[in-house]
All heavy atoms as atom14 arrays in JSON, in Angstrom:
{
  "sequence": "TSPAVRAFVEHNLYAETMPVKIYYITPVYRYERPQSGRLREHHQFGI",
  "atom14_mask": [
    [1, 1, 1, 1, 1, 1, 1, 0, 0, 0, 0, 0, 0, 0],
    [1, 1, 1, 1, 1, 1, 0, 0, 0, 0, 0, 0, 0, 0],
    [1, 1, 1, 1, 1, 1, 1, 0, 0, 0, 0, 0, 0, 0],
    [1, 1, 1, 1, 1, 0, 0, 0, 0, 0, 0, 0, 0, 0],
    [1, 1, 1, 1, 1, 1, 1, 0, 0, 0, 0, 0, 0, 0],
    [1, 1, 1, 1, 1, 1, 1, 1, 1, 1, 1, 0, 0, 0],
    [1, 1, 1, 1, 1, 0, 0, 0, 0, 0, 0, 0, 0, 0],
    [1, 1, 1, 1, 1, 1, 1, 1, 1, 1, 1, 0, 0, 0],
    [1, 1, 1, 1, 1, 1, 1, 0, 0, 0, 0, 0, 0, 0],
    [1, 1, 1, 1, 1, 1, 1, 1, 1, 0, 0, 0, 0, 0],
    [1, 1, 1, 1, 1, 1, 1, 1, 1, 1, 0, 0, 0, 0],
    [1, 1, 1, 1, 1, 1, 1, 1, 0, 0, 0, 0, 0, 0],
    [1, 1, 1, 1, 1, 1, 1, 1, 0, 0, 0, 0, 0, 0],
    [1, 1, 1, 1, 1, 1, 1, 1, 1, 1, 1, 1, 0, 0],
    [1, 1, 1, 1, 1, 0, 0, 0, 0, 0, 0, 0, 0, 0],
    [1, 1, 1, 1, 1, 1, 1, 1, 1, 0, 0, 0, 0, 0],
    [1, 1, 1, 1, 1, 1, 1, 0, 0, 0, 0, 0, 0, 0],
    [1, 1, 1, 1, 1, 1, 1, 1, 0, 0, 0, 0, 0, 0],
    [1, 1, 1, 1, 1, 1, 1, 0, 0, 0, 0, 0, 0, 0],
    [1, 1, 1, 1, 1, 1, 1, 0, 0, 0, 0, 0, 0, 0],
    [1, 1, 1, 1, 1, 1, 1, 1, 1, 0, 0, 0, 0, 0],
    [1, 1, 1, 1, 1, 1, 1, 1, 0, 0, 0, 0, 0, 0],
    [1, 1, 1, 1, 1, 1, 1, 1, 1, 1, 1, 1, 0, 0],
    [1, 1, 1, 1, 1, 1, 1, 1, 1, 1, 1, 1, 0, 0],
    [1, 1, 1, 1, 1, 1, 1, 1, 0, 0, 0, 0, 0, 0],
    [1, 1, 1, 1, 1, 1, 1, 0, 0, 0, 0, 0, 0, 0],
    [1, 1, 1, 1, 1, 1, 1, 0, 0, 0, 0, 0, 0, 0],
    [1, 1, 1, 1, 1, 1, 1, 0, 0, 0, 0, 0, 0, 0],
    [1, 1, 1, 1, 1, 1, 1, 1, 1, 1, 1, 1, 0, 0],
    [1, 1, 1, 1, 1, 1, 1, 1, 1, 1, 1, 0, 0, 0],
    [1, 1, 1, 1, 1, 1, 1, 1, 1, 1, 1, 1, 0, 0],
    [1, 1, 1, 1, 1, 1, 1, 1, 1, 0, 0, 0, 0, 0],
    [1, 1, 1, 1, 1, 1, 1, 1, 1, 1, 1, 0, 0, 0],
    [1, 1, 1, 1, 1, 1, 1, 0, 0, 0, 0, 0, 0, 0],
    [1, 1, 1, 1, 1, 1, 1, 1, 1, 0, 0, 0, 0, 0],
    [1, 1, 1, 1, 1, 1, 0, 0, 0, 0, 0, 0, 0, 0],
    [1, 1, 1, 1, 0, 0, 0, 0, 0, 0, 0, 0, 0, 0],
    [1, 1, 1, 1, 1, 1, 1, 1, 1, 1, 1, 0, 0, 0],
    [1, 1, 1, 1, 1, 1, 1, 1, 0, 0, 0, 0, 0, 0],
    [1, 1, 1, 1, 1, 1, 1, 1, 1, 1, 1, 0, 0, 0],
    [1, 1, 1, 1, 1, 1, 1, 1, 1, 0, 0, 0, 0, 0],
    [1, 1, 1, 1, 1, 1, 1, 1, 1, 1, 0, 0, 0, 0],
    [1, 1, 1, 1, 1, 1, 1, 1, 1, 1, 0, 0, 0, 0],
    [1, 1, 1, 1, 1, 1, 1, 1, 1, 0, 0, 0, 0, 0],
    [1, 1, 1, 1, 1, 1, 1, 1, 1, 1, 1, 0, 0, 0],
    [1, 1, 1, 1, 0, 0, 0, 0, 0, 0, 0, 0, 0, 0],
    [1, 1, 1, 1, 1, 1, 1, 1, 0, 0, 0, 0, 0, 0]
  ],
  "atom14_positions": [
    [[-1.16, 2.73, -1.12], [-2.16, 2.73, -2.18], [-1.55, 2.94, -3.57], [-1.87, 2.19, -4.5], [-3.23, 3.81, -1.92], [-3.89, 3.51, -0.7], [-4.25, 3.86, -3.05], [0.0, 0.0, 0.0], [0.0, 0.0, 0.0], [0.0, 0.0, 0.0], [0.0, 0.0, 0.0], [0.0, 0.0, 0.0], [0.0, 0.0, 0.0], [0.0, 0.0, 0.0]],
    [[-0.69, 3.94, -3.72], [-0.12, 4.23, -5.05], [0.64, 3.03, -5.63], [0.46, 2.7, -6.81], [0.77, 5.46, -4.98], [0.01, 6.6, -4.65], [0.0, 0.0, 0.0], [0.0, 0.0, 0.0], [0.0, 0.0, 0.0], [0.0, 0.0, 0.0], [0.0, 0.0, 0.0], [0.0, 0.0, 0.0], [0.0, 0.0, 0.0], [0.0, 0.0, 0.0]],
    [[1.49, 2.33, -4.85], [2.13, 1.13, -5.39], [1.13, 0.04, -5.78], [1.33, -0.66, -6.78], [3.04, 0.67, -4.24], [3.34, 1.91, -3.47], [2.07, 2.7, -3.54], [0.0, 0.0, 0.0], [0.0, 0.0, 0.0], [0.0, 0.0, 0.0], [0.0, 0.0, 0.0], [0.0, 0.0, 0.0], [0.0, 0.0, 0.0], [0.0, 0.0, 0.0]],
    [[0.06, -0.1, -4.99], [-0.96, -1.1, -5.33], [-1.65, -0.73, -6.64], [-1.92, -1.61, -7.48], [-1.99, -1.19, -4.2], [0.0, 0.0, 0.0], [0.0, 0.0, 0.0], [0.0, 0.0, 0.0], [0.0, 0.0, 0.0], [0.0, 0.0, 0.0], [0.0, 0.0, 0.0], [0.0, 0.0, 0.0], [0.0, 0.0, 0.0], [0.0, 0.0, 0.0]],
    [[-1.91, 0.55, -6.85], [-2.51, 1.02, -8.1], [-1.56, 0.79, -9.26], [-1.96, 0.35, -10.35], [-2.92, 2.5, -7.99], [-3.3, 3.06, -9.36], [-4.07, 2.67, -7.01], [0.0, 0.0, 0.0], [0.0, 0.0, 0.0], [0.0, 0.0, 0.0], [0.0, 0.0, 0.0], [0.0, 0.0, 0.0], [0.0, 0.0, 0.0], [0.0, 0.0, 0.0]],
    [[-0.28, 1.1, -9.05], [0.72, 0.87, -10.11], [0.76, -0.59, -10.51], [0.77, -0.94, -11.7], [2.1, 1.34, -9.6], [3.19, 1.43, -10.65], [4.03, 0.17, -10.75], [4.48, -0.27, -9.46], [4.64, -1.55, -9.14], [4.35, -2.52, -10.0], [5.05, -1.89, -7.92], [0.0, 0.0, 0.0], [0.0, 0.0, 0.0], [0.0, 0.0, 0.0]],
    [[0.74, -1.5, -9.54], [0.74, -2.94, -9.84], [-0.55, -3.35, -10.54], [-0.53, -4.18, -11.45], [0.92, -3.74, -8.54], [0.0, 0.0, 0.0], [0.0, 0.0, 0.0], [0.0, 0.0, 0.0], [0.0, 0.0, 0.0], [0.0, 0.0, 0.0], [0.0, 0.0, 0.0], [0.0, 0.0, 0.0], [0.0, 0.0, 0.0], [0.0, 0.0, 0.0]],
    [[-1.67, -2.76, -10.13], [-2.97, -3.03, -10.74], [-2.94, -2.68, -12.23], [-3.46, -3.43, -13.07], [-4.04, -2.2, -10.02], [-5.42, -2.3, -10.58], [-6.23, -3.39, -10.29], [-5.94, -1.29, -11.39], [-7.52, -3.48, -10.8], [-7.22, -1.37, -11.9], [-8.01, -2.47, -11.61], [0.0, 0.0, 0.0], [0.0, 0.0, 0.0], [0.0, 0.0, 0.0]],
    [[-2.28, -1.56, -12.56], [-2.19, -1.12, -13.95], [-1.15, -1.95, -14.72], [-1.42, -2.46, -15.81], [-1.83, 0.38, -14.03], [-1.58, 0.8, -15.48], [-2.94, 1.23, -13.41], [0.0, 0.0, 0.0], [0.0, 0.0, 0.0], [0.0, 0.0, 0.0], [0.0, 0.0, 0.0], [0.0, 0.0, 0.0], [0.0, 0.0, 0.0], [0.0, 0.0, 0.0]],
    [[0.03, -2.11, -14.13], [1.12, -2.8, -14.83], [0.77, -4.23, -15.2], [1.11, -4.71, -16.29], [2.39, -2.79, -13.96], [3.57, -3.49, -14.61], [4.84, -3.44, -13.78], [4.89, -2.68, -12.78], [5.81, -4.15, -14.13], [0.0, 0.0, 0.0], [0.0, 0.0, 0.0], [0.0, 0.0, 0.0], [0.0, 0.0, 0.0], [0.0, 0.0, 0.0]],
    [[0.07, -4.91, -14.33], [-0.24, -6.34, -14.56], [-1.65, -6.56, -15.1], [-2.17, -7.69, -15.06], [-0.02, -7.11, -13.26], [1.38, -7.01, -12.73], [2.45, -7.66, -13.31], [1.9, -6.27, -11.72], [3.56, -7.36, -12.65], [3.25, -6.52, -11.69], [0.0, 0.0, 0.0], [0.0, 0.0, 0.0], [0.0, 0.0, 0.0], [0.0, 0.0, 0.0]],
    [[-2.27, -5.47, -15.6], [-3.58, -5.56, -16.26], [-4.64, -6.24, -15.39], [-5.5, -6.99, -15.9], [-3.46, -6.32, -17.6], [-2.49, -5.65, -18.54], [-2.43, -4.42, -18.62], [-1.72, -6.45, -19.25], [0.0, 0.0, 0.0], [0.0, 0.0, 0.0], [0.0, 0.0, 0.0], [0.0, 0.0, 0.0], [0.0, 0.0, 0.0], [0.0, 0.0, 0.0]],
    [[-4.59, -5.99, -14.08], [-5.59, -6.6, -13.2], [-6.98, -6.06, -13.49], [-7.98, -6.69, -13.13], [-5.22, -6.34, -11.73], [-3.89, -6.94, -11.25], [-3.72, -6.72, -9.75], [-3.76, -8.42, -11.58], [0.0, 0.0, 0.0], [0.0, 0.0, 0.0], [0.0, 0.0, 0.0], [0.0, 0.0, 0.0], [0.0, 0.0, 0.0], [0.0, 0.0, 0.0]],
    [[-7.06, -4.91, -14.18], [-8.36, -4.35, -14.55], [-9.07, -5.22, -15.59], [-10.27, -5.05, -15.83], [-8.2, -2.92, -15.07], [-7.15, -2.75, -16.14], [-7.4, -3.08, -17.47], [-5.88, -2.26, -15.81], [-6.42, -2.93, -18.44], [-4.9, -2.11, -16.78], [-5.17, -2.44, -18.09], [-4.2, -2.29, -19.06], [0.0, 0.0, 0.0], [0.0, 0.0, 0.0]],
    [[-8.34, -6.16, -16.2], [-8.97, -7.07, -17.17], [-9.63, -8.26, -16.47], [-10.35, -9.03, -17.1], [-7.92, -7.58, -18.16], [0.0, 0.0, 0.0], [0.0, 0.0, 0.0], [0.0, 0.0, 0.0], [0.0, 0.0, 0.0], [0.0, 0.0, 0.0], [0.0, 0.0, 0.0], [0.0, 0.0, 0.0], [0.0, 0.0, 0.0], [0.0, 0.0, 0.0]],
    [[-9.39, -8.38, -15.15], [-10.02, -9.48, -14.4], [-11.45, -9.11, -14.02], [-11.88, -7.98, -14.17], [-9.19, -9.77, -13.13], [-7.78, -10.26, -13.44], [-7.03, -10.66, -12.18], [-7.61, -10.58, -11.08], [-5.85, -11.06, -12.31], [0.0, 0.0, 0.0], [0.0, 0.0, 0.0], [0.0, 0.0, 0.0], [0.0, 0.0, 0.0], [0.0, 0.0, 0.0]],
    [[-12.18, -10.1, -13.54], [-13.55, -9.86, -13.1], [-13.54, -8.89, -11.92], [-12.79, -9.06, -10.96], [-14.22, -11.17, -12.67], [-14.17, -12.1, -13.76], [-15.66, -10.94, -12.27], [0.0, 0.0, 0.0], [0.0, 0.0, 0.0], [0.0, 0.0, 0.0], [0.0, 0.0, 0.0], [0.0, 0.0, 0.0], [0.0, 0.0, 0.0], [0.0, 0.0, 0.0]],
    [[-14.38, -7.85, -12.02], [-14.46, -6.85, -10.96], [-15.49, -7.27, -9.9], [-16.44, -7.96, -10.21], [-14.84, -5.49, -11.56], [-13.8, -4.91, -12.5], [-12.28, -4.49, -11.63], [-11.31, -3.81, -12.99], [0.0, 0.0, 0.0], [0.0, 0.0, 0.0], [0.0, 0.0, 0.0], [0.0, 0.0, 0.0], [0.0, 0.0, 0.0], [0.0, 0.0, 0.0]],
    [[-15.31, -6.84, -8.65], [-14.21, -6.0, -8.19], [-12.94, -6.8, -7.92], [-13.0, -7.99, -7.61], [-14.76, -5.41, -6.89], [-15.64, -6.5, -6.35], [-16.28, -7.13, -7.55], [0.0, 0.0, 0.0], [0.0, 0.0, 0.0], [0.0, 0.0, 0.0], [0.0, 0.0, 0.0], [0.0, 0.0, 0.0], [0.0, 0.0, 0.0], [0.0, 0.0, 0.0]],
    [[-11.8, -6.14, -8.05], [-10.52, -6.7, -7.63], [-10.28, -6.23, -6.21], [-10.26, -5.03, -5.93], [-9.38, -6.25, -8.56], [-8.03, -6.69, -8.01], [-9.58, -6.81, -9.96], [0.0, 0.0, 0.0], [0.0, 0.0, 0.0], [0.0, 0.0, 0.0], [0.0, 0.0, 0.0], [0.0, 0.0, 0.0], [0.0, 0.0, 0.0], [0.0, 0.0, 0.0]],
    [[-10.1, -7.19, -5.29], [-9.99, -6.86, -3.86], [-8.64, -7.36, -3.34], [-8.38, -8.56, -3.36], [-11.14, -7.52, -3.09], [-12.52, -7.06, -3.58], [-13.63, -8.0, -3.16], [-14.0, -7.83, -1.71], [-15.22, -8.64, -1.38], [0.0, 0.0, 0.0], [0.0, 0.0, 0.0], [0.0, 0.0, 0.0], [0.0, 0.0, 0.0], [0.0, 0.0, 0.0]],
    [[-7.8, -6.42, -2.92], [-6.44, -6.79, -2.48], [-6.14, -6.15, -1.11], [-6.76, -5.17, -0.72], [-5.37, -6.35, -3.49], [-5.43, -4.84, -3.74], [-5.51, -7.12, -4.8], [-4.33, -4.33, -4.65], [0.0, 0.0, 0.0], [0.0, 0.0, 0.0], [0.0, 0.0, 0.0], [0.0, 0.0, 0.0], [0.0, 0.0, 0.0], [0.0, 0.0, 0.0]],
    [[-5.17, -6.77, -0.41], [-4.68, -6.17, 0.84], [-3.18, -6.32, 0.9], [-2.57, -7.1, 0.17], [-5.35, -6.83, 2.06], [-4.78, -8.18, 2.45], [-3.77, -8.28, 3.4], [-5.26, -9.36, 1.89], [-3.26, -9.52, 3.78], [-4.77, -10.6, 2.25], [-3.75, -10.67, 3.2], [-3.24, -11.89, 3.57], [0.0, 0.0, 0.0], [0.0, 0.0, 0.0]],
    [[-2.55, -5.56, 1.79], [-1.11, -5.64, 1.97], [-0.74, -5.32, 3.41], [-1.46, -4.62, 4.12], [-0.37, -4.67, 1.03], [-0.97, -3.29, 0.99], [-0.65, -2.34, 1.96], [-1.88, -2.93, -0.01], [-1.22, -1.08, 1.92], [-2.46, -1.67, -0.04], [-2.13, -0.75, 0.93], [-2.7, 0.5, 0.91], [0.0, 0.0, 0.0], [0.0, 0.0, 0.0]],
    [[0.35, -5.9, 3.84], [0.99, -5.56, 5.11], [2.42, -5.19, 4.74], [3.18, -6.06, 4.28], [0.96, -6.73, 6.11], [-0.48, -7.16, 6.4], [1.68, -6.36, 7.4], [-0.6, -8.44, 7.2], [0.0, 0.0, 0.0], [0.0, 0.0, 0.0], [0.0, 0.0, 0.0], [0.0, 0.0, 0.0], [0.0, 0.0, 0.0], [0.0, 0.0, 0.0]],
    [[2.79, -3.94, 4.89], [4.04, -3.48, 4.3], [4.72, -2.41, 5.14], [4.04, -1.62, 5.81], [3.78, -2.92, 2.88], [5.0, -2.54, 2.28], [2.87, -1.7, 2.93], [0.0, 0.0, 0.0], [0.0, 0.0, 0.0], [0.0, 0.0, 0.0], [0.0, 0.0, 0.0], [0.0, 0.0, 0.0], [0.0, 0.0, 0.0], [0.0, 0.0, 0.0]],
    [[6.06, -2.37, 5.14], [6.74, -1.22, 5.76], [6.59, 0.01, 4.88], [6.57, -0.1, 3.65], [8.2, -1.68, 5.85], [8.35, -2.71, 4.8], [7.01, -3.37, 4.65], [0.0, 0.0, 0.0], [0.0, 0.0, 0.0], [0.0, 0.0, 0.0], [0.0, 0.0, 0.0], [0.0, 0.0, 0.0], [0.0, 0.0, 0.0], [0.0, 0.0, 0.0]],
    [[6.45, 1.18, 5.48], [6.42, 2.45, 4.76], [7.37, 3.42, 5.45], [7.69, 3.26, 6.63], [4.99, 3.05, 4.67], [4.09, 2.2, 3.82], [4.39, 3.24, 6.05], [0.0, 0.0, 0.0], [0.0, 0.0, 0.0], [0.0, 0.0, 0.0], [0.0, 0.0, 0.0], [0.0, 0.0, 0.0], [0.0, 0.0, 0.0], [0.0, 0.0, 0.0]],
    [[7.82, 4.43, 4.69], [8.9, 5.3, 5.17], [8.52, 6.76, 5.01], [8.18, 7.21, 3.91], [10.18, 5.01, 4.38], [10.6, 3.56, 4.48], [10.1, 2.61, 3.57], [11.46, 3.13, 5.47], [10.45, 1.28, 3.67], [11.83, 1.8, 5.58], [11.32, 0.88, 4.68], [11.66, -0.44, 4.78], [0.0, 0.0, 0.0], [0.0, 0.0, 0.0]],
    [[8.58, 7.5, 6.11], [8.3, 8.94, 6.07], [9.28, 9.67, 6.98], [9.43, 9.32, 8.16], [6.86, 9.24, 6.51], [5.82, 8.64, 5.58], [4.42, 9.09, 5.98], [3.4, 8.36, 5.26], [2.1, 8.52, 5.44], [1.67, 9.4, 6.35], [1.22, 7.82, 4.75], [0.0, 0.0, 0.0], [0.0, 0.0, 0.0], [0.0, 0.0, 0.0]],
    [[9.92, 10.68, 6.42], [10.85, 11.47, 7.21], [10.06, 12.52, 7.98], [9.71, 13.57, 7.44], [11.9, 12.14, 6.33], [13.01, 12.78, 7.13], [14.08, 12.02, 7.58], [12.96, 14.13, 7.48], [15.09, 12.58, 8.34], [13.97, 14.7, 8.23], [15.02, 13.93, 8.67], [16.01, 14.49, 9.44], [0.0, 0.0, 0.0], [0.0, 0.0, 0.0]],
    [[9.75, 12.22, 9.21], [9.0, 13.14, 10.06], [9.47, 12.97, 11.49], [10.23, 12.04, 11.81], [7.5, 12.87, 9.96], [7.09, 11.44, 10.3], [5.61, 11.19, 10.05], [4.84, 12.16, 10.01], [5.23, 10.02, 9.91], [0.0, 0.0, 0.0], [0.0, 0.0, 0.0], [0.0, 0.0, 0.0], [0.0, 0.0, 0.0], [0.0, 0.0, 0.0]],
    [[9.04, 13.85, 12.36], [9.46, 13.76, 13.76], [8.85, 12.52, 14.4], [7.62, 12.39, 14.44], [9.0, 15.02, 14.51], [9.47, 15.06, 15.97], [9.08, 16.38, 16.61], [7.64, 16.53, 16.67], [6.86, 16.01, 17.64], [7.41, 15.29, 18.61], [5.56, 16.21, 17.64], [0.0, 0.0, 0.0], [0.0, 0.0, 0.0], [0.0, 0.0, 0.0]],
    [[9.69, 11.6, 14.89], [9.15, 10.39, 15.51], [8.28, 10.75, 16.71], [8.6, 11.65, 17.48], [10.4, 9.61, 15.95], [11.49, 10.12, 15.06], [11.18, 11.57, 14.84], [0.0, 0.0, 0.0], [0.0, 0.0, 0.0], [0.0, 0.0, 0.0], [0.0, 0.0, 0.0], [0.0, 0.0, 0.0], [0.0, 0.0, 0.0], [0.0, 0.0, 0.0]],
    [[7.16, 10.05, 16.84], [6.24, 10.27, 17.95], [5.61, 8.95, 18.32], [5.83, 7.93, 17.68], [5.17, 11.3, 17.57], [4.42, 10.95, 16.3], [3.46, 12.03, 15.86], [2.44, 12.22, 16.51], [3.78, 12.74, 14.79], [0.0, 0.0, 0.0], [0.0, 0.0, 0.0], [0.0, 0.0, 0.0], [0.0, 0.0, 0.0], [0.0, 0.0, 0.0]],
    [[4.83, 8.98, 19.39], [4.21, 7.75, 19.88], [3.34, 7.11, 18.8], [2.42, 7.74, 18.28], [3.35, 8.08, 21.11], [2.75, 6.92, 21.62], [0.0, 0.0, 0.0], [0.0, 0.0, 0.0], [0.0, 0.0, 0.0], [0.0, 0.0, 0.0], [0.0, 0.0, 0.0], [0.0, 0.0, 0.0], [0.0, 0.0, 0.0], [0.0, 0.0, 0.0]],
    [[3.67, 5.87, 18.46], [2.89, 5.15, 17.46], [3.19, 5.52, 16.03], [2.56, 5.02, 15.11], [0.0, 0.0, 0.0], [0.0, 0.0, 0.0], [0.0, 0.0, 0.0], [0.0, 0.0, 0.0], [0.0, 0.0, 0.0], [0.0, 0.0, 0.0], [0.0, 0.0, 0.0], [0.0, 0.0, 0.0], [0.0, 0.0, 0.0], [0.0, 0.0, 0.0]],
    [[4.13, 6.4, 15.8], [4.48, 6.81, 14.44], [6.0, 6.92, 14.32], [6.61, 7.76, 14.96], [3.83, 8.15, 14.12], [4.21, 8.74, 12.76], [3.69, 7.92, 11.6], [2.25, 7.88, 11.53], [1.51, 8.84, 10.96], [2.06, 9.9, 10.44], [0.2, 8.71, 10.92], [0.0, 0.0, 0.0], [0.0, 0.0, 0.0], [0.0, 0.0, 0.0]],
    [[6.59, 6.08, 13.5], [8.03, 6.05, 13.32], [8.37, 6.37, 11.87], [7.51, 6.35, 10.99], [8.59, 4.66, 13.68], [8.36, 4.21, 15.12], [8.74, 2.74, 15.28], [9.17, 5.06, 16.1], [0.0, 0.0, 0.0], [0.0, 0.0, 0.0], [0.0, 0.0, 0.0], [0.0, 0.0, 0.0], [0.0, 0.0, 0.0], [0.0, 0.0, 0.0]],
    [[9.63, 6.65, 11.6], [10.05, 6.94, 10.22], [9.94, 5.69, 9.35], [9.67, 5.78, 8.16], [11.46, 7.51, 10.22], [11.51, 8.93, 10.77], [12.9, 9.49, 10.88], [12.83, 10.89, 11.3], [13.89, 11.62, 11.61], [15.11, 11.09, 11.55], [13.74, 12.88, 11.98], [0.0, 0.0, 0.0], [0.0, 0.0, 0.0], [0.0, 0.0, 0.0]],
    [[10.22, 4.56, 9.94], [9.85, 3.29, 9.29], [8.73, 2.7, 10.13], [8.94, 2.36, 11.29], [11.01, 2.3, 9.23], [10.59, 1.0, 8.54], [11.57, -0.14, 8.73], [11.89, -0.46, 9.9], [12.01, -0.72, 7.74], [0.0, 0.0, 0.0], [0.0, 0.0, 0.0], [0.0, 0.0, 0.0], [0.0, 0.0, 0.0], [0.0, 0.0, 0.0]],
    [[7.54, 2.64, 9.58], [6.45, 1.97, 10.29], [5.77, 1.0, 9.33], [6.18, 0.86, 8.18], [5.48, 2.97, 10.92], [4.84, 3.93, 9.96], [5.46, 5.06, 9.49], [3.61, 3.94, 9.4], [4.66, 5.72, 8.69], [3.53, 5.06, 8.61], [0.0, 0.0, 0.0], [0.0, 0.0, 0.0], [0.0, 0.0, 0.0], [0.0, 0.0, 0.0]],
    [[4.77, 0.34, 9.82], [4.15, -0.74, 9.05], [2.67, -0.47, 8.86], [1.99, -0.04, 9.79], [4.38, -2.09, 9.74], [5.83, -2.45, 9.85], [6.66, -1.89, 10.8], [6.6, -3.27, 9.1], [7.89, -2.36, 10.64], [7.87, -3.2, 9.62], [0.0, 0.0, 0.0], [0.0, 0.0, 0.0], [0.0, 0.0, 0.0], [0.0, 0.0, 0.0]],
    [[2.22, -0.72, 7.66], [0.85, -0.37, 7.3], [0.1, -1.59, 6.79], [0.61, -2.35, 5.98], [0.88, 0.72, 6.22], [-0.47, 1.35, 5.92], [-0.34, 2.46, 4.89], [-0.37, 2.18, 3.69], [-0.21, 3.7, 5.33], [0.0, 0.0, 0.0], [0.0, 0.0, 0.0], [0.0, 0.0, 0.0], [0.0, 0.0, 0.0], [0.0, 0.0, 0.0]],
    [[-1.1, -1.76, 7.32], [-2.06, -2.71, 6.74], [-3.04, -1.88, 5.93], [-3.6, -0.89, 6.43], [-2.78, -3.48, 7.85], [-4.1, -4.08, 7.43], [-4.2, -4.87, 6.28], [-5.26, -3.87, 8.19], [-5.41, -5.42, 5.89], [-6.47, -4.42, 7.81], [-6.55, -5.19, 6.66], [0.0, 0.0, 0.0], [0.0, 0.0, 0.0], [0.0, 0.0, 0.0]],
    [[-3.24, -2.26, 4.69], [-4.18, -1.53, 3.86], [-4.96, -2.47, 2.96], [-4.5, -3.58, 2.65], [0.0, 0.0, 0.0], [0.0, 0.0, 0.0], [0.0, 0.0, 0.0], [0.0, 0.0, 0.0], [0.0, 0.0, 0.0], [0.0, 0.0, 0.0], [0.0, 0.0, 0.0], [0.0, 0.0, 0.0], [0.0, 0.0, 0.0], [0.0, 0.0, 0.0]],
    [[-6.15, -2.04, 2.55], [-6.91, -2.79, 1.56], [-7.33, -1.83, 0.45], [-7.47, -0.63, 0.67], [-8.15, -3.49, 2.16], [-9.22, -2.47, 2.58], [-7.77, -4.36, 3.33], [-10.54, -3.11, 2.95], [0.0, 0.0, 0.0], [0.0, 0.0, 0.0], [0.0, 0.0, 0.0], [0.0, 0.0, 0.0], [0.0, 0.0, 0.0], [0.0, 0.0, 0.0]]
  ]
}
């Protein structure tokens, strides 16, 4: 979410007709104990 918000601000997407509706499929990284279905590098779909 935070990178999507940063891009929304940097590229002035707020000047476009609202609502602005975006999605992403992206790798994300968290240093935590690996467990079933959760890895240090995993992939997230978000809107």
